[in-house]
């Protein structure tokens, strides 16, 4: 059973700007360019026999191309145990609409999905015992981080495989956005 998620890939120039952020923090496992994306929905383990149904449902999603930008950095976790550094995706109603549409489509398959507030972001680093002081320095130093606007014309179904070097992601299927939205 592959671990699956739906996400938006980023243009290479956006990934490059993220890779240029300072990375000198103990306990931080920084994401590679190949690991950078904006998750829409985490599906988890799915029996391979259900893949045709999932692909059919996802192919029916009709959305407009997105114009997005990244703005600012933040973290998940607590001051005592920061867990993840990330770049924020600037608020975008079309992205929120797409995420809800994808979530509802997958949930309609009776797949148990996480019920937490959607916070669109790009993970920069996973943290393990990184002192909050280091996280605070990063947040302060990169508070004005911002990218140019970029276009996204499709979303992808990814599989995830855990390795010693971290997660390896592979695009299993792509779903272009239609230009004509009903």
N, C-alpha and C. Protein backbone atom coordinates (compact mmCIF):
# COMPACT_ATOMS: atom_id res chain seq x y z
N UNK A 1 0.84 -1.19 0.00
CA UNK A 1 0.00 0.00 0.00
C UNK A 1 0.88 1.25 0.00
N UNK A 2 0.79 2.04 -1.04
CA UNK A 2 1.61 3.27 -1.05
C UNK A 2 0.99 4.35 -0.18
N UNK A 3 1.86 5.17 0.43
CA UNK A 3 1.39 6.36 1.15
C UNK A 3 1.22 7.46 0.13
N UNK A 4 0.04 8.04 0.07
CA UNK A 4 -0.29 8.99 -0.98
C UNK A 4 -0.65 10.36 -0.43
N UNK A 5 -0.40 11.37 -1.25
CA UNK A 5 -0.88 12.72 -0.95
C UNK A 5 -1.06 13.47 -2.26
N UNK A 6 -1.88 14.50 -2.21
CA UNK A 6 -2.13 15.36 -3.37
C UNK A 6 -1.48 16.70 -3.10
N UNK A 7 -0.78 17.22 -4.12
CA UNK A 7 -0.01 18.44 -3.89
C UNK A 7 0.23 19.19 -5.19
N UNK A 8 0.69 20.42 -5.01
CA UNK A 8 1.10 21.28 -6.11
C UNK A 8 2.62 21.30 -6.14
N UNK A 9 3.19 21.07 -7.29
CA UNK A 9 4.64 21.19 -7.44
C UNK A 9 4.96 22.68 -7.61
N UNK A 10 6.17 23.05 -7.29
CA UNK A 10 6.60 24.44 -7.39
C UNK A 10 7.53 24.63 -8.58
N UNK A 11 7.49 25.80 -9.21
CA UNK A 11 8.47 26.08 -10.28
C UNK A 11 9.89 26.02 -9.71
N UNK A 12 10.83 25.64 -10.54
CA UNK A 12 12.22 25.48 -10.09
C UNK A 12 12.79 26.78 -9.51
N UNK A 13 12.43 27.93 -10.08
CA UNK A 13 12.98 29.19 -9.55
C UNK A 13 12.48 29.49 -8.14
N UNK A 14 11.28 29.06 -7.82
CA UNK A 14 10.75 29.24 -6.46
C UNK A 14 11.49 28.30 -5.50
N UNK A 15 11.70 27.08 -5.93
CA UNK A 15 12.46 26.13 -5.10
C UNK A 15 13.87 26.67 -4.84
N UNK A 16 14.49 27.26 -5.85
CA UNK A 16 15.83 27.83 -5.69
C UNK A 16 15.84 28.94 -4.66
N UNK A 17 14.83 29.80 -4.67
CA UNK A 17 14.79 30.88 -3.68
C UNK A 17 14.63 30.32 -2.27
N UNK A 18 13.90 29.21 -2.13
CA UNK A 18 13.75 28.58 -0.82
C UNK A 18 15.05 27.91 -0.37
N UNK A 19 15.76 27.32 -1.31
CA UNK A 19 17.02 26.67 -0.98
C UNK A 19 18.10 27.67 -0.56
N UNK A 20 17.91 28.94 -0.88
CA UNK A 20 18.89 29.97 -0.53
C UNK A 20 18.70 30.52 0.88
N UNK A 21 17.61 30.14 1.55
CA UNK A 21 17.42 30.58 2.93
C UNK A 21 18.50 29.96 3.80
N UNK A 22 18.93 30.66 4.87
CA UNK A 22 20.00 30.14 5.72
C UNK A 22 19.62 28.80 6.35
N UNK A 23 20.61 27.90 6.45
CA UNK A 23 20.35 26.53 6.90
C UNK A 23 21.25 26.11 8.06
N UNK A 24 21.76 27.00 8.83
CA UNK A 24 22.74 26.66 9.88
C UNK A 24 22.06 26.51 11.24
N UNK A 25 21.21 25.50 11.37
CA UNK A 25 20.52 25.29 12.64
C UNK A 25 20.65 23.82 13.04
N UNK A 26 21.06 23.59 14.29
CA UNK A 26 21.24 22.22 14.75
C UNK A 26 19.89 21.49 14.80
N UNK A 27 19.94 20.22 14.48
CA UNK A 27 18.74 19.40 14.56
C UNK A 27 17.75 19.61 13.43
N UNK A 28 18.12 20.38 12.41
CA UNK A 28 17.21 20.64 11.29
C UNK A 28 17.58 19.74 10.12
N UNK A 29 16.58 19.03 9.59
CA UNK A 29 16.75 18.24 8.37
C UNK A 29 16.06 19.02 7.26
N UNK A 30 16.85 19.65 6.42
CA UNK A 30 16.33 20.55 5.40
C UNK A 30 15.79 19.76 4.21
N UNK A 31 14.70 20.24 3.67
CA UNK A 31 14.10 19.62 2.50
C UNK A 31 14.98 19.87 1.28
N UNK A 32 14.99 18.92 0.38
CA UNK A 32 15.65 19.09 -0.90
C UNK A 32 14.66 19.71 -1.87
N UNK A 33 15.15 20.13 -3.00
CA UNK A 33 14.29 20.68 -4.04
C UNK A 33 13.20 19.69 -4.43
N UNK A 34 13.55 18.41 -4.54
CA UNK A 34 12.59 17.37 -4.94
C UNK A 34 11.50 17.15 -3.89
N UNK A 35 11.73 17.58 -2.66
CA UNK A 35 10.75 17.38 -1.60
C UNK A 35 9.82 18.58 -1.40
N UNK A 36 10.06 19.67 -2.11
CA UNK A 36 9.27 20.90 -1.90
C UNK A 36 7.99 20.88 -2.73
N UNK A 37 6.89 21.14 -2.06
CA UNK A 37 5.57 21.16 -2.69
C UNK A 37 4.58 21.84 -1.74
N UNK A 38 3.36 22.05 -2.20
CA UNK A 38 2.27 22.55 -1.36
C UNK A 38 1.24 21.44 -1.28
N UNK A 39 1.11 20.82 -0.13
CA UNK A 39 0.17 19.73 0.04
C UNK A 39 -1.26 20.25 0.01
N UNK A 40 -2.11 19.53 -0.70
CA UNK A 40 -3.56 19.81 -0.70
C UNK A 40 -4.26 18.88 0.29
N UNK A 41 -4.00 17.58 0.16
CA UNK A 41 -4.64 16.58 1.02
C UNK A 41 -3.66 15.42 1.22
N UNK A 42 -3.49 15.00 2.47
CA UNK A 42 -2.71 13.80 2.78
C UNK A 42 -3.70 12.64 2.85
N UNK A 43 -3.49 11.65 2.00
CA UNK A 43 -4.40 10.49 1.95
C UNK A 43 -3.90 9.39 2.87
N UNK A 44 -2.61 9.12 2.85
CA UNK A 44 -2.05 8.03 3.64
C UNK A 44 -2.01 6.76 2.84
N UNK A 45 -2.05 5.64 3.53
CA UNK A 45 -1.99 4.34 2.88
C UNK A 45 -3.30 4.05 2.17
N UNK A 46 -3.19 3.57 0.95
CA UNK A 46 -4.37 3.24 0.16
C UNK A 46 -4.11 1.93 -0.58
N UNK A 47 -5.04 1.01 -0.46
CA UNK A 47 -4.92 -0.25 -1.15
C UNK A 47 -4.88 0.01 -2.66
N UNK A 48 -3.96 -0.67 -3.35
CA UNK A 48 -3.79 -0.46 -4.79
C UNK A 48 -5.06 -0.72 -5.58
N UNK A 49 -5.93 -1.57 -5.07
CA UNK A 49 -7.17 -1.88 -5.79
C UNK A 49 -8.10 -0.67 -5.87
N UNK A 50 -7.86 0.34 -5.01
CA UNK A 50 -8.70 1.54 -5.00
C UNK A 50 -8.15 2.65 -5.89
N UNK A 51 -6.96 2.44 -6.45
CA UNK A 51 -6.33 3.49 -7.26
C UNK A 51 -7.17 3.90 -8.47
N UNK A 52 -7.75 2.98 -9.24
CA UNK A 52 -8.54 3.41 -10.39
C UNK A 52 -9.70 4.35 -10.00
N UNK A 53 -10.35 4.04 -8.90
CA UNK A 53 -11.44 4.90 -8.42
C UNK A 53 -10.91 6.28 -8.03
N UNK A 54 -9.79 6.31 -7.33
CA UNK A 54 -9.20 7.59 -6.93
C UNK A 54 -8.82 8.41 -8.16
N UNK A 55 -8.17 7.78 -9.12
CA UNK A 55 -7.76 8.49 -10.32
C UNK A 55 -8.97 9.04 -11.09
N UNK A 56 -10.04 8.27 -11.14
CA UNK A 56 -11.25 8.71 -11.83
C UNK A 56 -11.86 9.93 -11.13
N UNK A 57 -11.96 9.88 -9.83
CA UNK A 57 -12.53 11.01 -9.07
C UNK A 57 -11.68 12.26 -9.24
N UNK A 58 -10.37 12.10 -9.16
CA UNK A 58 -9.48 13.25 -9.28
C UNK A 58 -9.51 13.85 -10.68
N UNK A 59 -9.68 13.02 -11.69
CA UNK A 59 -9.71 13.53 -13.06
C UNK A 59 -10.96 14.37 -13.33
N UNK A 60 -11.97 14.26 -12.50
CA UNK A 60 -13.19 15.03 -12.67
C UNK A 60 -13.13 16.41 -12.02
N UNK A 61 -12.07 16.68 -11.27
CA UNK A 61 -11.95 17.99 -10.62
C UNK A 61 -11.64 19.05 -11.66
N UNK A 62 -12.43 20.10 -11.63
CA UNK A 62 -12.32 21.18 -12.60
C UNK A 62 -11.93 22.45 -11.83
N UNK A 63 -10.79 23.01 -12.14
CA UNK A 63 -10.32 24.20 -11.41
C UNK A 63 -9.59 25.13 -12.36
N UNK A 64 -9.45 26.35 -11.92
CA UNK A 64 -8.71 27.36 -12.68
C UNK A 64 -7.23 27.27 -12.35
N UNK A 65 -6.36 27.64 -13.29
CA UNK A 65 -4.93 27.77 -12.95
C UNK A 65 -4.78 28.76 -11.79
N UNK A 66 -3.78 28.52 -10.97
CA UNK A 66 -3.56 29.35 -9.77
C UNK A 66 -2.39 30.29 -9.97
N UNK A 67 -2.50 31.48 -9.40
CA UNK A 67 -1.37 32.39 -9.27
C UNK A 67 -1.10 32.54 -7.79
N UNK A 68 0.05 32.04 -7.37
CA UNK A 68 0.39 31.99 -5.95
C UNK A 68 1.67 32.76 -5.69
N UNK A 69 1.92 33.03 -4.42
CA UNK A 69 3.19 33.61 -3.97
C UNK A 69 3.45 33.11 -2.56
N UNK A 70 4.70 33.03 -2.18
CA UNK A 70 5.08 32.68 -0.82
C UNK A 70 5.44 33.96 -0.09
N UNK A 71 5.01 34.03 1.17
CA UNK A 71 5.25 35.27 1.92
C UNK A 71 5.44 34.93 3.40
N UNK A 72 6.65 35.15 3.89
CA UNK A 72 6.96 34.94 5.29
C UNK A 72 7.25 33.49 5.63
N UNK A 73 7.77 33.29 6.83
CA UNK A 73 8.10 31.96 7.33
C UNK A 73 7.47 31.78 8.71
N UNK A 74 7.30 30.54 9.11
CA UNK A 74 6.70 30.24 10.41
C UNK A 74 7.12 28.83 10.81
N UNK A 75 6.51 28.33 11.88
CA UNK A 75 6.84 26.97 12.32
C UNK A 75 5.60 26.31 12.90
N UNK A 76 5.61 24.98 12.87
CA UNK A 76 4.60 24.18 13.56
C UNK A 76 5.26 23.61 14.80
N UNK A 77 4.45 23.36 15.81
CA UNK A 77 4.94 22.85 17.08
C UNK A 77 4.76 23.91 18.14
N UNK A 78 5.47 23.76 19.23
CA UNK A 78 5.38 24.72 20.33
C UNK A 78 6.74 25.39 20.53
N UNK A 79 6.76 26.40 21.38
CA UNK A 79 8.04 27.05 21.70
C UNK A 79 9.02 26.05 22.30
N UNK A 80 8.47 25.11 23.04
CA UNK A 80 9.32 24.11 23.68
C UNK A 80 9.79 23.05 22.69
N UNK A 81 8.89 22.67 21.76
CA UNK A 81 9.21 21.63 20.78
C UNK A 81 8.83 22.06 19.37
N UNK A 82 9.57 22.98 18.79
CA UNK A 82 9.29 23.32 17.38
C UNK A 82 9.58 22.09 16.52
N UNK A 83 8.68 21.80 15.56
CA UNK A 83 8.81 20.57 14.77
C UNK A 83 9.13 20.80 13.30
N UNK A 84 8.58 21.88 12.72
CA UNK A 84 8.72 22.10 11.28
C UNK A 84 8.86 23.59 11.00
N UNK A 85 9.85 23.95 10.17
CA UNK A 85 9.94 25.31 9.63
C UNK A 85 9.28 25.30 8.26
N UNK A 86 8.54 26.37 7.95
CA UNK A 86 7.89 26.40 6.64
C UNK A 86 7.76 27.82 6.12
N UNK A 87 7.55 27.91 4.79
CA UNK A 87 7.24 29.18 4.13
C UNK A 87 5.73 29.21 3.93
N UNK A 88 5.13 30.35 4.26
CA UNK A 88 3.69 30.52 4.09
C UNK A 88 3.33 30.74 2.62
N UNK A 89 2.17 30.22 2.24
CA UNK A 89 1.60 30.56 0.95
C UNK A 89 0.68 31.75 1.20
N UNK A 90 0.88 32.82 0.43
CA UNK A 90 0.04 34.00 0.58
C UNK A 90 -1.43 33.60 0.38
N UNK A 91 -2.30 34.19 1.20
CA UNK A 91 -3.73 33.85 1.15
C UNK A 91 -4.24 33.93 -0.29
N UNK A 92 -5.00 32.89 -0.67
CA UNK A 92 -5.47 32.79 -2.05
C UNK A 92 -6.78 32.01 -2.05
N UNK A 93 -7.88 32.68 -2.40
CA UNK A 93 -9.19 32.04 -2.34
C UNK A 93 -9.33 30.90 -3.36
N UNK A 94 -8.68 31.00 -4.52
CA UNK A 94 -8.75 29.93 -5.51
C UNK A 94 -8.06 28.67 -4.99
N UNK A 95 -6.95 28.84 -4.27
CA UNK A 95 -6.26 27.69 -3.67
C UNK A 95 -7.14 27.04 -2.61
N UNK A 96 -7.76 27.87 -1.76
CA UNK A 96 -8.64 27.33 -0.72
C UNK A 96 -9.82 26.57 -1.33
N UNK A 97 -10.36 27.10 -2.41
CA UNK A 97 -11.47 26.43 -3.10
C UNK A 97 -11.01 25.09 -3.67
N UNK A 98 -9.84 25.06 -4.31
CA UNK A 98 -9.30 23.83 -4.86
C UNK A 98 -9.08 22.80 -3.75
N UNK A 99 -8.50 23.22 -2.65
CA UNK A 99 -8.22 22.28 -1.56
C UNK A 99 -9.52 21.67 -1.04
N UNK A 100 -10.55 22.47 -0.86
CA UNK A 100 -11.84 21.96 -0.39
C UNK A 100 -12.44 20.98 -1.39
N UNK A 101 -12.32 21.30 -2.66
CA UNK A 101 -12.85 20.45 -3.71
C UNK A 101 -12.13 19.09 -3.72
N UNK A 102 -10.82 19.11 -3.63
CA UNK A 102 -10.04 17.88 -3.62
C UNK A 102 -10.35 17.07 -2.35
N UNK A 103 -10.42 17.75 -1.21
CA UNK A 103 -10.71 17.08 0.06
C UNK A 103 -12.06 16.36 -0.02
N UNK A 104 -13.09 17.06 -0.50
CA UNK A 104 -14.43 16.46 -0.59
C UNK A 104 -14.45 15.28 -1.55
N UNK A 105 -13.74 15.38 -2.65
CA UNK A 105 -13.70 14.29 -3.63
C UNK A 105 -13.09 13.04 -3.02
N UNK A 106 -11.98 13.20 -2.32
CA UNK A 106 -11.30 12.04 -1.70
C UNK A 106 -12.14 11.50 -0.54
N UNK A 107 -12.70 12.38 0.26
CA UNK A 107 -13.53 11.94 1.39
C UNK A 107 -14.76 11.17 0.92
N UNK A 108 -15.27 11.49 -0.26
CA UNK A 108 -16.43 10.79 -0.81
C UNK A 108 -16.13 9.32 -1.09
N UNK A 109 -14.87 8.95 -1.12
CA UNK A 109 -14.47 7.55 -1.31
C UNK A 109 -14.44 6.80 0.02
N UNK A 110 -14.92 7.42 1.07
CA UNK A 110 -14.87 6.84 2.42
C UNK A 110 -13.43 6.60 2.88
N UNK A 111 -12.57 7.53 2.51
CA UNK A 111 -11.19 7.52 2.99
C UNK A 111 -11.13 8.45 4.18
N UNK A 112 -10.62 7.95 5.29
CA UNK A 112 -10.52 8.75 6.52
C UNK A 112 -9.40 9.78 6.35
N UNK A 113 -9.76 11.05 6.37
CA UNK A 113 -8.79 12.14 6.20
C UNK A 113 -8.67 12.94 7.49
N UNK A 114 -7.51 13.58 7.66
CA UNK A 114 -7.31 14.44 8.83
C UNK A 114 -8.31 15.58 8.78
N UNK A 115 -8.81 15.97 9.94
CA UNK A 115 -9.78 17.06 10.02
C UNK A 115 -9.14 18.24 10.75
N UNK A 116 -8.09 18.76 10.18
CA UNK A 116 -7.48 19.93 10.79
C UNK A 116 -7.52 21.08 9.80
N UNK A 117 -7.39 22.28 10.34
CA UNK A 117 -7.44 23.47 9.51
C UNK A 117 -6.34 23.41 8.45
N UNK A 118 -6.72 23.74 7.23
CA UNK A 118 -5.75 23.74 6.14
C UNK A 118 -4.89 24.99 6.20
N UNK A 119 -3.59 24.80 6.30
CA UNK A 119 -2.62 25.89 6.30
C UNK A 119 -1.67 25.64 5.14
N UNK A 120 -1.91 26.32 3.99
CA UNK A 120 -1.04 26.07 2.84
C UNK A 120 0.38 26.58 3.12
N UNK A 121 1.34 25.71 2.87
CA UNK A 121 2.73 26.03 3.19
C UNK A 121 3.67 25.13 2.41
N UNK A 122 4.94 25.50 2.44
CA UNK A 122 6.01 24.68 1.88
C UNK A 122 6.96 24.35 3.03
N UNK A 123 7.09 23.07 3.35
CA UNK A 123 7.98 22.66 4.42
C UNK A 123 9.42 22.95 4.01
N UNK A 124 10.15 23.61 4.91
CA UNK A 124 11.56 23.92 4.67
C UNK A 124 12.48 22.95 5.40
N UNK A 125 12.11 22.63 6.66
CA UNK A 125 12.95 21.74 7.46
C UNK A 125 12.11 21.05 8.52
N UNK A 126 12.48 19.83 8.83
CA UNK A 126 11.90 19.09 9.95
C UNK A 126 12.91 19.23 11.10
N UNK A 127 12.39 19.50 12.28
CA UNK A 127 13.26 19.82 13.40
C UNK A 127 13.27 18.71 14.44
N UNK A 128 14.44 18.47 15.00
CA UNK A 128 14.60 17.49 16.06
C UNK A 128 15.50 18.11 17.13
N UNK A 129 14.88 18.54 18.19
CA UNK A 129 15.58 19.19 19.32
C UNK A 129 16.28 20.48 18.92
N UNK A 130 15.77 21.14 17.91
CA UNK A 130 16.30 22.45 17.54
C UNK A 130 15.82 23.45 18.59
N UNK A 131 16.72 24.19 19.21
CA UNK A 131 16.31 25.15 20.24
C UNK A 131 15.40 26.24 19.65
N UNK A 132 14.39 26.63 20.42
CA UNK A 132 13.48 27.66 19.94
C UNK A 132 14.24 28.95 19.62
N UNK A 133 15.33 29.23 20.32
CA UNK A 133 16.10 30.43 20.05
C UNK A 133 16.57 30.44 18.59
N UNK A 134 16.99 29.30 18.09
CA UNK A 134 17.40 29.20 16.68
C UNK A 134 16.22 29.42 15.75
N UNK A 135 15.09 28.84 16.10
CA UNK A 135 13.88 29.02 15.30
C UNK A 135 13.49 30.50 15.29
N UNK A 136 13.53 31.13 16.45
CA UNK A 136 13.20 32.55 16.56
C UNK A 136 14.12 33.41 15.72
N UNK A 137 15.41 33.09 15.71
CA UNK A 137 16.36 33.83 14.89
C UNK A 137 16.03 33.69 13.40
N UNK A 138 15.67 32.47 13.00
CA UNK A 138 15.31 32.23 11.60
C UNK A 138 14.06 33.03 11.24
N UNK A 139 13.04 32.99 12.11
CA UNK A 139 11.80 33.71 11.84
C UNK A 139 12.04 35.21 11.73
N UNK A 140 12.87 35.73 12.61
CA UNK A 140 13.18 37.16 12.58
C UNK A 140 13.97 37.53 11.34
N UNK A 141 14.98 36.74 11.02
CA UNK A 141 15.84 37.04 9.87
C UNK A 141 15.09 36.96 8.55
N UNK A 142 14.09 36.07 8.47
CA UNK A 142 13.39 35.85 7.21
C UNK A 142 11.95 36.36 7.22
N UNK A 143 11.63 37.24 8.15
CA UNK A 143 10.27 37.77 8.28
C UNK A 143 9.77 38.42 6.99
N UNK A 144 10.65 39.01 6.21
CA UNK A 144 10.25 39.71 4.99
C UNK A 144 10.40 38.83 3.73
N UNK A 145 10.65 37.55 3.92
CA UNK A 145 10.78 36.66 2.77
C UNK A 145 9.52 36.71 1.92
N UNK A 146 9.72 36.84 0.61
CA UNK A 146 8.59 36.88 -0.31
C UNK A 146 9.09 36.48 -1.69
N UNK A 147 8.25 35.73 -2.40
CA UNK A 147 8.59 35.37 -3.78
C UNK A 147 7.72 36.17 -4.73
N UNK A 148 8.14 36.17 -5.96
CA UNK A 148 7.29 36.70 -7.03
C UNK A 148 6.10 35.76 -7.18
N UNK A 149 5.05 36.25 -7.79
CA UNK A 149 3.89 35.42 -8.09
C UNK A 149 4.31 34.34 -9.10
N UNK A 150 3.74 33.16 -8.95
CA UNK A 150 4.02 32.08 -9.89
C UNK A 150 2.73 31.34 -10.21
N UNK A 151 2.71 30.72 -11.38
CA UNK A 151 1.51 30.03 -11.86
C UNK A 151 1.62 28.53 -11.66
N UNK A 152 0.49 27.94 -11.32
CA UNK A 152 0.37 26.50 -11.18
C UNK A 152 -0.78 26.07 -12.08
N UNK A 153 -0.55 25.10 -12.95
CA UNK A 153 -1.56 24.70 -13.92
C UNK A 153 -2.03 23.26 -13.73
N UNK A 154 -1.57 22.60 -12.65
CA UNK A 154 -2.00 21.22 -12.39
C UNK A 154 -1.68 20.83 -10.96
N UNK A 155 -2.34 19.77 -10.51
CA UNK A 155 -1.97 19.18 -9.23
C UNK A 155 -1.59 17.73 -9.49
N UNK A 156 -0.94 17.12 -8.49
CA UNK A 156 -0.38 15.80 -8.67
C UNK A 156 -0.76 14.86 -7.53
N UNK A 157 -0.84 13.59 -7.85
CA UNK A 157 -0.94 12.53 -6.86
C UNK A 157 0.47 12.01 -6.66
N UNK A 158 0.99 12.13 -5.44
CA UNK A 158 2.34 11.69 -5.10
C UNK A 158 2.28 10.44 -4.24
N UNK A 159 3.30 9.61 -4.38
CA UNK A 159 3.53 8.54 -3.42
C UNK A 159 4.76 8.93 -2.61
N UNK A 160 4.82 8.43 -1.40
CA UNK A 160 5.92 8.76 -0.50
C UNK A 160 6.55 7.47 0.01
N UNK A 161 7.87 7.45 -0.03
CA UNK A 161 8.62 6.29 0.46
C UNK A 161 9.65 6.80 1.46
N UNK A 162 9.67 6.21 2.64
CA UNK A 162 10.64 6.61 3.67
C UNK A 162 11.98 5.94 3.41
N UNK A 163 13.05 6.73 3.44
CA UNK A 163 14.41 6.21 3.31
C UNK A 163 15.26 6.81 4.42
N UNK A 164 16.47 6.33 4.55
CA UNK A 164 17.37 6.89 5.57
C UNK A 164 17.66 8.36 5.30
N UNK A 165 17.64 8.75 4.03
CA UNK A 165 17.93 10.15 3.66
C UNK A 165 16.70 11.04 3.78
N UNK A 166 15.57 10.46 4.18
CA UNK A 166 14.33 11.23 4.27
C UNK A 166 13.30 10.68 3.30
N UNK A 167 12.23 11.39 3.16
CA UNK A 167 11.15 10.94 2.28
C UNK A 167 11.52 11.15 0.82
N UNK A 168 11.19 10.15 0.01
CA UNK A 168 11.31 10.27 -1.44
C UNK A 168 9.91 10.33 -2.00
N UNK A 169 9.64 11.34 -2.83
CA UNK A 169 8.32 11.53 -3.41
C UNK A 169 8.37 11.23 -4.91
N UNK A 170 7.30 10.60 -5.38
CA UNK A 170 7.20 10.30 -6.81
C UNK A 170 5.81 10.69 -7.29
N UNK A 171 5.75 11.38 -8.42
CA UNK A 171 4.46 11.73 -9.01
C UNK A 171 3.88 10.48 -9.66
N UNK A 172 2.69 10.09 -9.21
CA UNK A 172 2.00 8.92 -9.74
C UNK A 172 1.03 9.30 -10.86
N UNK A 173 0.45 10.49 -10.75
CA UNK A 173 -0.50 10.97 -11.77
C UNK A 173 -0.58 12.48 -11.67
N UNK A 174 -0.88 13.13 -12.79
CA UNK A 174 -1.03 14.59 -12.84
C UNK A 174 -2.42 14.93 -13.36
N UNK A 175 -2.95 16.04 -12.85
CA UNK A 175 -4.30 16.47 -13.20
C UNK A 175 -4.27 17.95 -13.58
N UNK A 176 -4.19 18.22 -14.90
CA UNK A 176 -4.15 19.62 -15.35
C UNK A 176 -5.46 20.33 -15.03
N UNK A 177 -5.33 21.62 -14.77
CA UNK A 177 -6.51 22.45 -14.56
C UNK A 177 -7.11 22.79 -15.91
N UNK A 178 -8.41 22.79 -15.97
CA UNK A 178 -9.10 23.16 -17.21
C UNK A 178 -9.13 24.68 -17.31
N UNK A 179 -9.00 25.17 -18.50
CA UNK A 179 -9.07 26.61 -18.75
C UNK A 179 -10.52 27.10 -18.67
N UNK A 180 -11.44 26.25 -19.01
CA UNK A 180 -12.86 26.62 -18.98
C UNK A 180 -13.49 26.03 -17.74
N UNK A 181 -13.73 26.86 -16.74
CA UNK A 181 -14.34 26.40 -15.50
C UNK A 181 -15.83 26.63 -15.57
N UNK A 182 -16.58 25.59 -15.21
CA UNK A 182 -18.05 25.68 -15.25
C UNK A 182 -18.57 26.56 -14.14
